[in-house]
PDB file of N, CA and C in Angstrom:
ATOM      1  N   UNK A   1       1.049  -1.542   0.090  1.00  0.00           N
ATOM      2  CA  UNK A   1       0.177   0.367  -0.067  1.00  0.00           C
ATOM      3  C   UNK A   1       0.488   1.115  -0.158  1.00  0.00           C
ATOM      4  N   UNK A   2       0.623   2.458  -1.172  1.00  0.00           N
ATOM      5  CA  UNK A   2       1.389   3.570  -0.808  1.00  0.00           C
ATOM      6  C   UNK A   2       1.132   4.125  -0.459  1.00  0.00           C
ATOM      7  N   UNK A   3       1.611   5.544   0.603  1.00  0.00           N
ATOM      8  CA  UNK A   3       0.621   6.193   1.241  1.00  0.00           C
ATOM      9  C   UNK A   3       1.240   8.110   0.644  1.00  0.00           C
ATOM     10  N   UNK A   4       1.803   7.989  -0.353  1.00  0.00           N
ATOM     11  CA  UNK A   4       2.227   8.996  -0.813  1.00  0.00           C
ATOM     12  C   UNK A   4       0.668   9.335  -2.145  1.00  0.00           C
ATOM     13  N   UNK A   5       0.664  10.296  -2.494  1.00  0.00           N
ATOM     14  CA  UNK A   5      -0.558  10.630  -3.104  1.00  0.00           C
ATOM     15  C   UNK A   5      -0.216  11.303  -4.254  1.00  0.00           C
ATOM     16  N   UNK A   6      -1.031  10.501  -5.450  1.00  0.00           N
ATOM     17  CA  UNK A   6      -1.093  10.344  -7.067  1.00  0.00           C
ATOM     18  C   UNK A   6      -0.547  11.945  -7.292  1.00  0.00           C
ATOM     19  N   UNK A   7      -0.919  12.513  -6.685  1.00  0.00           N
ATOM     20  CA  UNK A   7      -1.619  14.383  -7.445  1.00  0.00           C
ATOM     21  C   UNK A   7       0.027  14.616  -7.954  1.00  0.00           C
ATOM     22  N   UNK A   8       0.677  14.610  -5.837  1.00  0.00           N
ATOM     23  CA  UNK A   8       1.802  15.357  -5.787  1.00  0.00           C
ATOM     24  C   UNK A   8       2.978  14.726  -5.312  1.00  0.00           C
ATOM     25  N   UNK A   9       3.159  13.671  -5.089  1.00  0.00           N
ATOM     26  CA  UNK A   9       4.224  12.454  -4.924  1.00  0.00           C
ATOM     27  C   UNK A   9       4.364  12.359  -3.879  1.00  0.00           C
ATOM     28  N   UNK A  10       3.822  13.616  -3.085  1.00  0.00           N
ATOM     29  CA  UNK A  10       4.153  13.657  -0.924  1.00  0.00           C
ATOM     30  C   UNK A  10       3.799  13.154  -0.268  1.00  0.00           C
ATOM     31  N   UNK A  11       3.629  12.905   0.697  1.00  0.00           N
ATOM     32  CA  UNK A  11       3.099  11.449   1.674  1.00  0.00           C
ATOM     33  C   UNK A  11       1.571  12.628   2.096  1.00  0.00           C
ATOM     34  N   UNK A  12       0.892  10.867   2.321  1.00  0.00           N
ATOM     35  CA  UNK A  12      -0.857  11.442   3.242  1.00  0.00           C
ATOM     36  C   UNK A  12      -0.704  12.010   3.689  1.00  0.00           C
ATOM     37  N   UNK A  13      -1.540  13.038   4.665  1.00  0.00           N
ATOM     38  CA  UNK A  13      -1.432  13.740   5.906  1.00  0.00           C
ATOM     39  C   UNK A  13      -2.649  12.158   6.645  1.00  0.00           C
ATOM     40  N   UNK A  14      -2.746  11.721   7.756  1.00  0.00           N
ATOM     41  CA  UNK A  14      -3.439  11.101   8.768  1.00  0.00           C
ATOM     42  C   UNK A  14      -4.386  11.847   8.644  1.00  0.00           C
ATOM     43  N   UNK A  15      -5.905  11.455   8.487  1.00  0.00           N
ATOM     44  CA  UNK A  15      -7.170  11.350   8.758  1.00  0.00           C
ATOM     45  C   UNK A  15      -6.413  12.625  10.821  1.00  0.00           C
ATOM     46  N   UNK A  16      -6.954  13.389  10.777  1.00  0.00           N
ATOM     47  CA  UNK A  16      -6.634  14.531  12.087  1.00  0.00           C
ATOM     48  C   UNK A  16      -7.731  13.993  13.964  1.00  0.00           C
ATOM     49  N   UNK A  17      -6.970  12.979  14.359  1.00  0.00           N
ATOM     50  CA  UNK A  17      -8.635  12.334  15.393  1.00  0.00           C
ATOM     51  C   UNK A  17      -8.368  13.618  16.187  1.00  0.00           C
ATOM     52  N   UNK A  18      -8.776  14.364  16.832  1.00  0.00           N
ATOM     53  CA  UNK A  18      -8.810  15.356  18.006  1.00  0.00           C
ATOM     54  C   UNK A  18      -8.317  15.396  19.937  1.00  0.00           C
ATOM     55  N   UNK A  19      -8.673  13.946  19.810  1.00  0.00           N
ATOM     56  CA  UNK A  19      -8.398  13.277  21.210  1.00  0.00           C
ATOM     57  C   UNK A  19      -9.145  12.562  21.751  1.00  0.00           C
ATOM     58  N   UNK A  20      -8.064  11.617  22.715  1.00  0.00           N
ATOM     59  CA  UNK A  20      -8.998  10.014  22.956  1.00  0.00           C
ATOM     60  C   UNK A  20      -8.007  10.016  23.736  1.00  0.00           C
ATOM     61  N   UNK A  21      -8.747   8.890  24.870  1.00  0.00           N
ATOM     62  CA  UNK A  21      -8.293   8.552  26.256  1.00  0.00           C
ATOM     63  C   UNK A  21      -8.661   6.714  25.983  1.00  0.00           C
ATOM     64  N   UNK A  22      -7.112   6.515  26.887  1.00  0.00           N
ATOM     65  CA  UNK A  22      -6.618   4.911  27.206  1.00  0.00           C
ATOM     66  C   UNK A  22      -5.941   4.597  28.184  1.00  0.00           C
ATOM     67  N   UNK A  23      -6.678   3.490  28.034  1.00  0.00           N
ATOM     68  CA  UNK A  23      -6.266   2.587  29.024  1.00  0.00           C
ATOM     69  C   UNK A  23      -5.647   2.109  29.284  1.00  0.00           C
ATOM     70  N   UNK A  24      -3.768   1.873  29.347  1.00  0.00           N
ATOM     71  CA  UNK A  24      -2.357   0.833  28.945  1.00  0.00           C
ATOM     72  C   UNK A  24      -2.673   0.233  30.456  1.00  0.00           C
ATOM     73  N   UNK A  25      -3.004  -1.415  29.459  1.00  0.00           N
ATOM     74  CA  UNK A  25      -2.470  -2.357  30.109  1.00  0.00           C
ATOM     75  C   UNK A  25      -1.984  -3.345  29.567  1.00  0.00           C
ATOM     76  N   UNK A  26      -1.715  -3.377  28.796  1.00  0.00           N
ATOM     77  CA  UNK A  26      -0.686  -4.048  28.120  1.00  0.00           C
ATOM     78  C   UNK A  26       0.218  -3.125  26.948  1.00  0.00           C
ATOM     79  N   UNK A  27       1.881  -3.482  26.270  1.00  0.00           N
ATOM     80  CA  UNK A  27       2.389  -2.352  24.958  1.00  0.00           C
ATOM     81  C   UNK A  27       1.848  -2.625  24.446  1.00  0.00           C
ATOM     82  N   UNK A  28       1.139  -1.521  24.012  1.00  0.00           N
ATOM     83  CA  UNK A  28      -0.346  -1.108  22.533  1.00  0.00           C
ATOM     84  C   UNK A  28       0.862  -0.495  21.245  1.00  0.00           C
ATOM     85  N   UNK A  29       0.346  -1.392  20.296  1.00  0.00           N
ATOM     86  CA  UNK A  29       1.258  -0.411  19.320  1.00  0.00           C
ATOM     87  C   UNK A  29       0.055   0.382  18.549  1.00  0.00           C
ATOM     88  N   UNK A  30       0.122   1.675  18.539  1.00  0.00           N
ATOM     89  CA  UNK A  30      -0.695   2.767  17.259  1.00  0.00           C
ATOM     90  C   UNK A  30      -0.718   2.522  15.576  1.00  0.00           C
ATOM     91  N   UNK A  31      -2.063   2.877  15.846  1.00  0.00           N
ATOM     92  CA  UNK A  31      -1.316   2.760  13.862  1.00  0.00           C
ATOM     93  C   UNK A  31      -2.730   4.405  13.939  1.00  0.00           C
ATOM     94  N   UNK A  32      -2.423   4.908  12.624  1.00  0.00           N
ATOM     95  CA  UNK A  32      -2.740   5.846  11.768  1.00  0.00           C
ATOM     96  C   UNK A  32      -4.117   5.816  12.101  1.00  0.00           C
ATOM     97  N   UNK A  33      -4.752   6.758  11.967  1.00  0.00           N
ATOM     98  CA  UNK A  33      -6.317   6.953  11.732  1.00  0.00           C
ATOM     99  C   UNK A  33      -6.670   6.936  10.595  1.00  0.00           C
ATOM    100  N   UNK A  34      -6.103   6.138   9.260  1.00  0.00           N
ATOM    101  CA  UNK A  34      -6.382   5.724   7.968  1.00  0.00           C
ATOM    102  C   UNK A  34      -7.534   5.766   7.811  1.00  0.00           C
ATOM    103  N   UNK A  35      -8.566   5.597   6.616  1.00  0.00           N
ATOM    104  CA  UNK A  35      -9.395   4.775   6.559  1.00  0.00           C
ATOM    105  C   UNK A  35      -9.134   3.713   5.692  1.00  0.00           C
ATOM    106  N   UNK A  36      -9.775   2.404   6.535  1.00  0.00           N
ATOM    107  CA  UNK A  36      -9.168   1.092   5.949  1.00  0.00           C
ATOM    108  C   UNK A  36      -8.257   0.746   7.102  1.00  0.00           C
ATOM    109  N   UNK A  37      -8.467   0.676   8.482  1.00  0.00           N
ATOM    110  CA  UNK A  37      -7.223   0.840   9.350  1.00  0.00           C
ATOM    111  C   UNK A  37      -7.974   0.557  10.158  1.00  0.00           C
ATOM    112  N   UNK A  38      -8.162  -1.281  10.590  1.00  0.00           N
ATOM    113  CA  UNK A  38      -9.433  -1.541  11.528  1.00  0.00           C
ATOM    114  C   UNK A  38      -9.891  -1.791  12.108  1.00  0.00           C
ATOM    115  N   UNK A  39      -8.941  -0.030  13.310  1.00  0.00           N
ATOM    116  CA  UNK A  39      -8.068  -0.350  14.959  1.00  0.00           C
ATOM    117  C   UNK A  39      -8.997   0.010  15.300  1.00  0.00           C
ATOM    118  N   UNK A  40      -8.323  -0.450  17.621  1.00  0.00           N
ATOM    119  CA  UNK A  40      -9.261   0.524  17.980  1.00  0.00           C
ATOM    120  C   UNK A  40      -7.548   1.250  18.501  1.00  0.00           C
ATOM    121  N   UNK A  41      -6.836   1.187  18.470  1.00  0.00           N
ATOM    122  CA  UNK A  41      -5.391   1.536  18.805  1.00  0.00           C
ATOM    123  C   UNK A  41      -5.393   2.284  17.481  1.00  0.00           C
ATOM    124  N   UNK A  42      -5.427   3.932  17.885  1.00  0.00           N
ATOM    125  CA  UNK A  42      -4.818   4.705  16.694  1.00  0.00           C
ATOM    126  C   UNK A  42      -4.288   6.202  17.580  1.00  0.00           C
ATOM    127  N   UNK A  43      -3.736   6.593  16.752  1.00  0.00           N
ATOM    128  CA  UNK A  43      -3.521   7.902  17.561  1.00  0.00           C
ATOM    129  C   UNK A  43      -3.859   9.238  17.154  1.00  0.00           C
ATOM    130  N   UNK A  44      -3.966   9.857  18.452  1.00  0.00           N
ATOM    131  CA  UNK A  44      -4.620  11.540  18.470  1.00  0.00           C
ATOM    132  C   UNK A  44      -3.829  11.991  18.630  1.00  0.00           C
ATOM    133  N   UNK A  45      -4.634  13.738  18.576  1.00  0.00           N
ATOM    134  CA  UNK A  45      -3.765  14.486  18.271  1.00  0.00           C
ATOM    135  C   UNK A  45      -3.587  14.901  20.381  1.00  0.00           C
ATOM    136  N   UNK A  46      -4.836  14.124  20.878  1.00  0.00           N
ATOM    137  CA  UNK A  46      -4.413  14.866  22.027  1.00  0.00           C
ATOM    138  C   UNK A  46      -4.630  13.561  22.774  1.00  0.00           C
ATOM    139  N   UNK A  47      -4.148  12.778  23.323  1.00  0.00           N
ATOM    140  CA  UNK A  47      -3.829  10.863  24.387  1.00  0.00           C
ATOM    141  C   UNK A  47      -3.916  12.056  25.136  1.00  0.00           C
ATOM    142  N   UNK A  48      -5.157  11.445  26.413  1.00  0.00           N
ATOM    143  CA  UNK A  48      -5.136  10.728  28.139  1.00  0.00           C
ATOM    144  C   UNK A  48      -3.952   9.349  28.611  1.00  0.00           C
ATOM    145  N   UNK A  49      -3.389   8.686  28.940  1.00  0.00           N
ATOM    146  CA  UNK A  49      -3.228   7.908  28.587  1.00  0.00           C
ATOM    147  C   UNK A  49      -3.360   7.722  30.590  1.00  0.00           C
ATOM    148  N   UNK A  50      -3.499   6.573  30.738  1.00  0.00           N
ATOM    149  CA  UNK A  50      -3.703   5.757  32.413  1.00  0.00           C
ATOM    150  C   UNK A  50      -2.818   4.327  32.227  1.00  0.00           C
ATOM    151  N   UNK A  51      -1.873   4.323  32.659  1.00  0.00           N
ATOM    152  CA  UNK A  51      -1.572   2.884  32.586  1.00  0.00           C
ATOM    153  C   UNK A  51      -1.680   2.296  33.940  1.00  0.00           C
ATOM    154  N   UNK A  52      -1.767   0.536  33.975  1.00  0.00           N
ATOM    155  CA  UNK A  52      -2.427  -0.025  34.870  1.00  0.00           C
ATOM    156  C   UNK A  52      -1.610  -0.590  36.039  1.00  0.00           C
ATOM    157  N   UNK A  53      -0.095  -0.852  35.659  1.00  0.00           N
ATOM    158  CA  UNK A  53       1.546  -0.887  36.502  1.00  0.00           C
ATOM    159  C   UNK A  53       1.828   0.163  35.707  1.00  0.00           C
ATOM    160  N   UNK A  54       3.523  -0.381  36.281  1.00  0.00           N
ATOM    161  CA  UNK A  54       4.112   0.057  35.104  1.00  0.00           C
ATOM    162  C   UNK A  54       5.044  -1.068  34.549  1.00  0.00           C
ATOM    163  N   UNK A  55       5.850   0.403  33.657  1.00  0.00           N
ATOM    164  CA  UNK A  55       6.617  -0.766  32.875  1.00  0.00           C
ATOM    165  C   UNK A  55       6.343  -0.917  31.153  1.00  0.00           C
ATOM    166  N   UNK A  56       4.858  -0.559  31.529  1.00  0.00           N
ATOM    167  CA  UNK A  56       4.703  -0.609  29.670  1.00  0.00           C
ATOM    168  C   UNK A  56       4.765   0.763  28.992  1.00  0.00           C
ATOM    169  N   UNK A  57       4.349   0.163  27.362  1.00  0.00           N
ATOM    170  CA  UNK A  57       4.880   1.516  26.433  1.00  0.00           C
ATOM    171  C   UNK A  57       3.653   1.383  25.301  1.00  0.00           C
ATOM    172  N   UNK A  58       3.966   2.370  24.918  1.00  0.00           N
ATOM    173  CA  UNK A  58       3.004   2.883  23.855  1.00  0.00           C
ATOM    174  C   UNK A  58       3.678   2.945  23.112  1.00  0.00           C
ATOM    175  N   UNK A  59       3.813   2.959  21.526  1.00  0.00           N
ATOM    176  CA  UNK A  59       4.403   2.385  20.117  1.00  0.00           C
ATOM    177  C   UNK A  59       3.698   3.569  19.235  1.00  0.00           C
ATOM    178  N   UNK A  60       4.362   4.162  18.623  1.00  0.00           N
ATOM    179  CA  UNK A  60       3.691   5.819  18.272  1.00  0.00           C
ATOM    180  C   UNK A  60       4.016   4.516  17.139  1.00  0.00           C
ATOM    181  N   UNK A  61       2.828   4.864  15.663  1.00  0.00           N
ATOM    182  CA  UNK A  61       2.313   4.778  14.050  1.00  0.00           C
ATOM    183  C   UNK A  61       3.956   4.869  13.357  1.00  0.00           C
ATOM    184  N   UNK A  62       3.716   3.918  12.754  1.00  0.00           N
ATOM    185  CA  UNK A  62       5.100   4.402  11.488  1.00  0.00           C
ATOM    186  C   UNK A  62       4.672   5.169  10.947  1.00  0.00           C
ATOM    187  N   UNK A  63       6.218   6.222  10.932  1.00  0.00           N
ATOM    188  CA  UNK A  63       6.491   7.733  10.888  1.00  0.00           C
ATOM    189  C   UNK A  63       6.829   7.942   9.133  1.00  0.00           C
ATOM    190  N   UNK A  64       7.374   7.008   8.940  1.00  0.00           N
ATOM    191  CA  UNK A  64       7.226   7.541   7.036  1.00  0.00           C
ATOM    192  C   UNK A  64       5.771   7.329   6.387  1.00  0.00           C
ATOM    193  N   UNK A  65       4.148   7.105   7.102  1.00  0.00           N
ATOM    194  CA  UNK A  65       3.810   7.039   6.787  1.00  0.00           C
ATOM    195  C   UNK A  65       2.566   8.116   6.868  1.00  0.00           C
ATOM    196  N   UNK A  66       3.537   8.974   7.276  1.00  0.00           N
ATOM    197  CA  UNK A  66       2.691  11.039   7.608  1.00  0.00           C
ATOM    198  C   UNK A  66       3.706  11.370   7.476  1.00  0.00           C
ATOM    199  N   UNK A  67       3.989  13.172   7.243  1.00  0.00           N
ATOM    200  CA  UNK A  67       4.853  13.760   7.246  1.00  0.00           C
ATOM    201  C   UNK A  67       5.248  14.541   8.385  1.00  0.00           C
ATOM    202  N   UNK A  68       6.170  14.685   8.323  1.00  0.00           N
ATOM    203  CA  UNK A  68       7.138  15.110   9.417  1.00  0.00           C
ATOM    204  C   UNK A  68       6.059  16.495  10.215  1.00  0.00           C
ATOM    205  N   UNK A  69       6.963  17.185  11.192  1.00  0.00           N
ATOM    206  CA  UNK A  69       5.533  17.873  11.807  1.00  0.00           C
ATOM    207  C   UNK A  69       4.418  16.808  12.616  1.00  0.00           C
ATOM    208  N   UNK A  70       3.869  16.290  12.310  1.00  0.00           N
ATOM    209  CA  UNK A  70       3.175  15.257  12.319  1.00  0.00           C
ATOM    210  C   UNK A  70       3.481  15.160  13.862  1.00  0.00           C
ATOM    211  N   UNK A  71       2.023  15.132  14.821  1.00  0.00           N
ATOM    212  CA  UNK A  71       2.401  15.696  16.084  1.00  0.00           C
ATOM    213  C   UNK A  71       1.416  14.575  17.644  1.00  0.00           C
ATOM    214  N   UNK A  72       1.427  14.412  18.880  1.00  0.00           N
ATOM    215  CA  UNK A  72       0.605  14.810  19.730  1.00  0.00           C
ATOM    216  C   UNK A  72       1.194  14.646  21.401  1.00  0.00           C
ATOM    217  N   UNK A  73      -0.354  15.474  21.609  1.00  0.00           N
ATOM    218  CA  UNK A  73       0.406  15.571  23.007  1.00  0.00           C
ATOM    219  C   UNK A  73      -0.318  14.297  23.568  1.00  0.00           C
ATOM    220  N   UNK A  74       0.260  14.330  24.882  1.00  0.00           N
ATOM    221  CA  UNK A  74       0.429  12.615  25.630  1.00  0.00           C
ATOM    222  C   UNK A  74       0.812  13.255  26.832  1.00  0.00           C
ATOM    223  N   UNK A  75      -0.166  13.115  27.707  1.00  0.00           N
ATOM    224  CA  UNK A  75      -1.073  12.956  28.853  1.00  0.00           C
ATOM    225  C   UNK A  75      -1.195  12.319  30.288  1.00  0.00           C
ATOM    226  N   UNK A  76       0.384  11.561  30.942  1.00  0.00           N
ATOM    227  CA  UNK A  76      -0.556  10.261  31.901  1.00  0.00           C
ATOM    228  C   UNK A  76      -0.757  10.916  32.543  1.00  0.00           C
ATOM    229  N   UNK A  77      -2.488   9.870  33.315  1.00  0.00           N
ATOM    230  CA  UNK A  77      -3.095  10.862  33.907  1.00  0.00           C
ATOM    231  C   UNK A  77      -3.307   9.579  35.265  1.00  0.00           C
ATOM    232  N   UNK A  78      -2.267   8.633  34.820  1.00  0.00           N
ATOM    233  CA  UNK A  78      -2.915   7.331  35.870  1.00  0.00           C
ATOM    234  C   UNK A  78      -1.649   7.704  37.198  1.00  0.00           C
ATOM    235  N   UNK A  79      -1.314   7.066  37.660  1.00  0.00           N
ATOM    236  CA  UNK A  79      -0.413   6.596  38.791  1.00  0.00           C
ATOM    237  C   UNK A  79       1.216   6.427  38.200  1.00  0.00           C
ATOM    238  N   UNK A  80       0.755   5.293  37.218  1.00  0.00           N
ATOM    239  CA  UNK A  80       2.422   4.787  36.896  1.00  0.00           C
ATOM    240  C   UNK A  80       2.915   5.521  35.796  1.00  0.00           C
ATOM    241  N   UNK A  81       4.412   5.726  35.909  1.00  0.00           N
ATOM    242  CA  UNK A  81       4.832   6.229  34.311  1.00  0.00           C
ATOM    243  C   UNK A  81       4.577   4.800  32.936  1.00  0.00           C
ATOM    244  N   UNK A  82       4.783   5.713  31.583  1.00  0.00           N
ATOM    245  CA  UNK A  82       4.863   4.679  30.727  1.00  0.00           C
ATOM    246  C   UNK A  82       5.452   5.434  29.839  1.00  0.00           C
ATOM    247  N   UNK A  83       6.493   4.447  29.121  1.00  0.00           N
ATOM    248  CA  UNK A  83       7.650   4.985  27.462  1.00  0.00           C
ATOM    249  C   UNK A  83       6.512   4.917  26.416  1.00  0.00           C
ATOM    250  N   UNK A  84       6.703   6.042  25.492  1.00  0.00           N
ATOM    251  CA  UNK A  84       6.450   6.121  24.621  1.00  0.00           C
ATOM    252  C   UNK A  84       7.793   5.754  23.148  1.00  0.00           C
ATOM    253  N   UNK A  85       7.422   4.644  22.413  1.00  0.00           N
ATOM    254  CA  UNK A  85       8.808   4.023  21.697  1.00  0.00           C
ATOM    255  C   UNK A  85       8.415   4.249  19.998  1.00  0.00           C
ATOM    256  N   UNK A  86       9.134   4.552  19.246  1.00  0.00           N
ATOM    257  CA  UNK A  86       9.217   4.396  18.006  1.00  0.00           C
ATOM    258  C   UNK A  86       8.755   2.998  17.984  1.00  0.00           C
ATOM    259  N   UNK A  87       7.923   3.063  15.868  1.00  0.00           N
ATOM    260  CA  UNK A  87       6.934   2.279  15.756  1.00  0.00           C
ATOM    261  C   UNK A  87       7.783   0.583  16.225  1.00  0.00           C
ATOM    262  N   UNK A  88       9.331   0.460  15.655  1.00  0.00           N
ATOM    263  CA  UNK A  88       9.692  -0.449  15.703  1.00  0.00           C
ATOM    264  C   UNK A  88       9.882  -1.259  17.611  1.00  0.00           C
ATOM    265  N   UNK A  89      10.323   0.106  18.914  1.00  0.00           N
ATOM    266  CA  UNK A  89       9.872   0.097  19.942  1.00  0.00           C
ATOM    267  C   UNK A  89      12.016   0.179  19.723  1.00  0.00           C
ATOM    268  N   UNK A  90      12.764  -0.125  18.765  1.00  0.00           N
ATOM    269  CA  UNK A  90      13.350   0.033  19.369  1.00  0.00           C
ATOM    270  C   UNK A  90      14.610   1.335  19.797  1.00  0.00           C
ATOM    271  N   UNK A  91      13.497   2.271  19.505  1.00  0.00           N
ATOM    272  CA  UNK A  91      14.025   4.096  20.189  1.00  0.00           C
ATOM    273  C   UNK A  91      13.308   4.080  21.515  1.00  0.00           C
ATOM    274  N   UNK A  92      13.798   5.073  22.821  1.00  0.00           N
ATOM    275  CA  UNK A  92      12.585   5.863  22.988  1.00  0.00           C
ATOM    276  C   UNK A  92      12.620   6.642  22.876  1.00  0.00           C
ATOM    277  N   UNK A  93      11.411   6.814  22.829  1.00  0.00           N
ATOM    278  CA  UNK A  93      10.949   8.975  22.149  1.00  0.00           C
ATOM    279  C   UNK A  93      11.140  10.074  23.585  1.00  0.00           C
ATOM    280  N   UNK A  94      10.292   8.810  24.381  1.00  0.00           N
ATOM    281  CA  UNK A  94      10.182  10.206  25.894  1.00  0.00           C
ATOM    282  C   UNK A  94       9.619   8.969  27.119  1.00  0.00           C
ATOM    283  N   UNK A  95       9.869   9.450  28.063  1.00  0.00           N
ATOM    284  CA  UNK A  95       9.578   7.793  29.451  1.00  0.00           C
ATOM    285  C   UNK A  95       8.624   9.545  29.988  1.00  0.00           C
ATOM    286  N   UNK A  96       6.817   8.916  30.288  1.00  0.00           N
ATOM    287  CA  UNK A  96       5.916  10.285  30.679  1.00  0.00           C
ATOM    288  C   UNK A  96       5.937   9.661  32.418  1.00  0.00           C
ATOM    289  N   UNK A  97       6.283  10.081  32.950  1.00  0.00           N
ATOM    290  CA  UNK A  97       5.787  10.426  34.496  1.00  0.00           C
ATOM    291  C   UNK A  97       4.379  10.566  34.650  1.00  0.00           C
ATOM    292  N   UNK A  98       3.267   9.884  35.821  1.00  0.00           N
ATOM    293  CA  UNK A  98       2.639  10.648  36.787  1.00  0.00           C
ATOM    294  C   UNK A  98       2.142  12.195  36.638  1.00  0.00           C
ATOM    295  N   UNK A  99       1.445  12.548  36.000  1.00  0.00           N
ATOM    296  CA  UNK A  99       0.951  13.964  36.167  1.00  0.00           C
ATOM    297  C   UNK A  99       1.375  14.703  34.979  1.00  0.00           C
ATOM    298  N   UNK A 100       2.614  14.391  34.139  1.00  0.00           N
ATOM    299  CA  UNK A 100       3.334  15.042  33.667  1.00  0.00           C
ATOM    300  C   UNK A 100       2.250  14.486  31.497  1.00  0.00           C
ATOM    301  N   UNK A 101       2.916  15.703  31.214  1.00  0.00           N
ATOM    302  CA  UNK A 101       2.901  15.618  29.775  1.00  0.00           C
ATOM    303  C   UNK A 101       3.698  15.754  29.001  1.00  0.00           C
ATOM    304  N   UNK A 102       3.771  15.055  27.717  1.00  0.00           N
ATOM    305  CA  UNK A 102       4.765  16.080  26.510  1.00  0.00           C
ATOM    306  C   UNK A 102       4.813  15.923  24.977  1.00  0.00           C
ATOM    307  N   UNK A 103       5.144  17.083  24.726  1.00  0.00           N
ATOM    308  CA  UNK A 103       4.341  16.588  23.281  1.00  0.00           C
ATOM    309  C   UNK A 103       5.767  16.180  22.107  1.00  0.00           C
ATOM    310  N   UNK A 104       4.820  15.194  21.359  1.00  0.00           N
ATOM    311  CA  UNK A 104       5.630  14.701  20.550  1.00  0.00           C
ATOM    312  C   UNK A 104       5.308  14.964  19.271  1.00  0.00           C
ATOM    313  N   UNK A 105       6.916  15.239  18.626  1.00  0.00           N
ATOM    314  CA  UNK A 105       6.364  15.560  17.142  1.00  0.00           C
ATOM    315  C   UNK A 105       7.301  15.171  15.911  1.00  0.00           C
ATOM    316  N   UNK A 106       7.082  14.056  15.255  1.00  0.00           N
ATOM    317  CA  UNK A 106       7.806  14.288  13.579  1.00  0.00           C
ATOM    318  C   UNK A 106       9.224  14.787  13.125  1.00  0.00           C
ATOM    319  N   UNK A 107      10.379  14.936  13.241  1.00  0.00           N
ATOM    320  CA  UNK A 107      11.378  15.432  12.962  1.00  0.00           C
ATOM    321  C   UNK A 107      12.172  14.678  11.133  1.00  0.00           C
ATOM    322  N   UNK A 108      11.749  13.342  11.125  1.00  0.00           N
ATOM    323  CA  UNK A 108      12.412  12.704  10.193  1.00  0.00           C
ATOM    324  C   UNK A 108      11.480  11.788   9.526  1.00  0.00           C
ATOM    325  N   UNK A 109      11.011  11.353   8.585  1.00  0.00           N
ATOM    326  CA  UNK A 109       9.745  10.115   7.994  1.00  0.00           C
ATOM    327  C   UNK A 109      10.695   9.389   7.464  1.00  0.00           C
ATOM    328  N   UNK A 110      11.534   9.053   7.344  1.00  0.00           N
ATOM    329  CA  UNK A 110      12.521   8.244   5.931  1.00  0.00           C
ATOM    330  C   UNK A 110      12.695   6.642   6.197  1.00  0.00           C
ATOM    331  N   UNK A 111      11.996   6.567   7.754  1.00  0.00           N
ATOM    332  CA  UNK A 111      11.841   5.153   8.450  1.00  0.00           C
ATOM    333  C   UNK A 111      10.782   5.018   9.102  1.00  0.00           C
ATOM    334  N   UNK A 112      10.370   3.770   9.117  1.00  0.00           N
ATOM    335  CA  UNK A 112       8.887   3.154   9.954  1.00  0.00           C
ATOM    336  C   UNK A 112       9.634   3.471  11.329  1.00  0.00           C
ATOM    337  N   UNK A 113      10.435   3.574  11.768  1.00  0.00           N
ATOM    338  CA  UNK A 113      10.932   4.073  13.347  1.00  0.00           C
ATOM    339  C   UNK A 113      11.357   5.644  13.317  1.00  0.00           C
ATOM    340  N   UNK A 114      11.913   6.291  11.882  1.00  0.00           N
ATOM    341  CA  UNK A 114      11.523   7.398  11.921  1.00  0.00           C
ATOM    342  C   UNK A 114      12.396   8.591  12.698  1.00  0.00           C
ATOM    343  N   UNK A 115      12.109  10.002  13.560  1.00  0.00           N
ATOM    344  CA  UNK A 115      12.996  10.480  14.550  1.00  0.00           C
ATOM    345  C   UNK A 115      12.227  11.425  15.009  1.00  0.00           C
ATOM    346  N   UNK A 116      11.574  11.726  16.142  1.00  0.00           N
ATOM    347  CA  UNK A 116      11.275  12.116  17.007  1.00  0.00           C
ATOM    348  C   UNK A 116      11.312  13.626  17.366  1.00  0.00           C
ATOM    349  N   UNK A 117      10.877  14.026  17.640  1.00  0.00           N
ATOM    350  CA  UNK A 117      10.543  15.598  19.293  1.00  0.00           C
ATOM    351  C   UNK A 117      10.112  15.166  20.172  1.00  0.00           C
ATOM    352  N   UNK A 118      10.664  15.589  20.984  1.00  0.00           N
ATOM    353  CA  UNK A 118       9.675  16.339  22.414  1.00  0.00           C
ATOM    354  C   UNK A 118      10.048  17.241  23.036  1.00  0.00           C
ATOM    355  N   UNK A 119       8.470  17.660  23.545  1.00  0.00           N
ATOM    356  CA  UNK A 119       8.668  18.621  24.550  1.00  0.00           C
ATOM    357  C   UNK A 119       7.967  18.556  25.245  1.00  0.00           C
ATOM    358  N   UNK A 120       8.837  18.679  27.228  1.00  0.00           N
ATOM    359  CA  UNK A 120       7.945  19.004  28.517  1.00  0.00           C
ATOM    360  C   UNK A 120       7.110  20.116  28.454  1.00  0.00           C
ATOM    361  N   UNK A 121       5.266  20.076  28.616  1.00  0.00           N
ATOM    362  CA  UNK A 121       4.170  20.573  28.744  1.00  0.00           C
ATOM    363  C   UNK A 121       4.614  20.988  30.552  1.00  0.00           C
TER     364      UNK A 121
END
């Protein structure tokens, strides 16, 4: 499946979902909310996450399926910290402690793991 526009050749931006609340009870792989993705584990621009135990990870969607600058604000509303990782899980983007909010964004989308920037909110 190609994620490039047949008209411009550039990467197609996924549908923008504004908000999602997530209860993280196992490591979870997110997907972009593109038409045809039949998953409830989609990324949103603002995500409130509560991890049921420590040591859990939230895997961001493939960076090469979107444009650089695509972003998410992730707020930990639970008592346990969790780790946000790239699509393959090989790189940690950020660890979010209880009560913290982090803003993550793609700075390089040439691979599925991409390069992600982050800012503490």
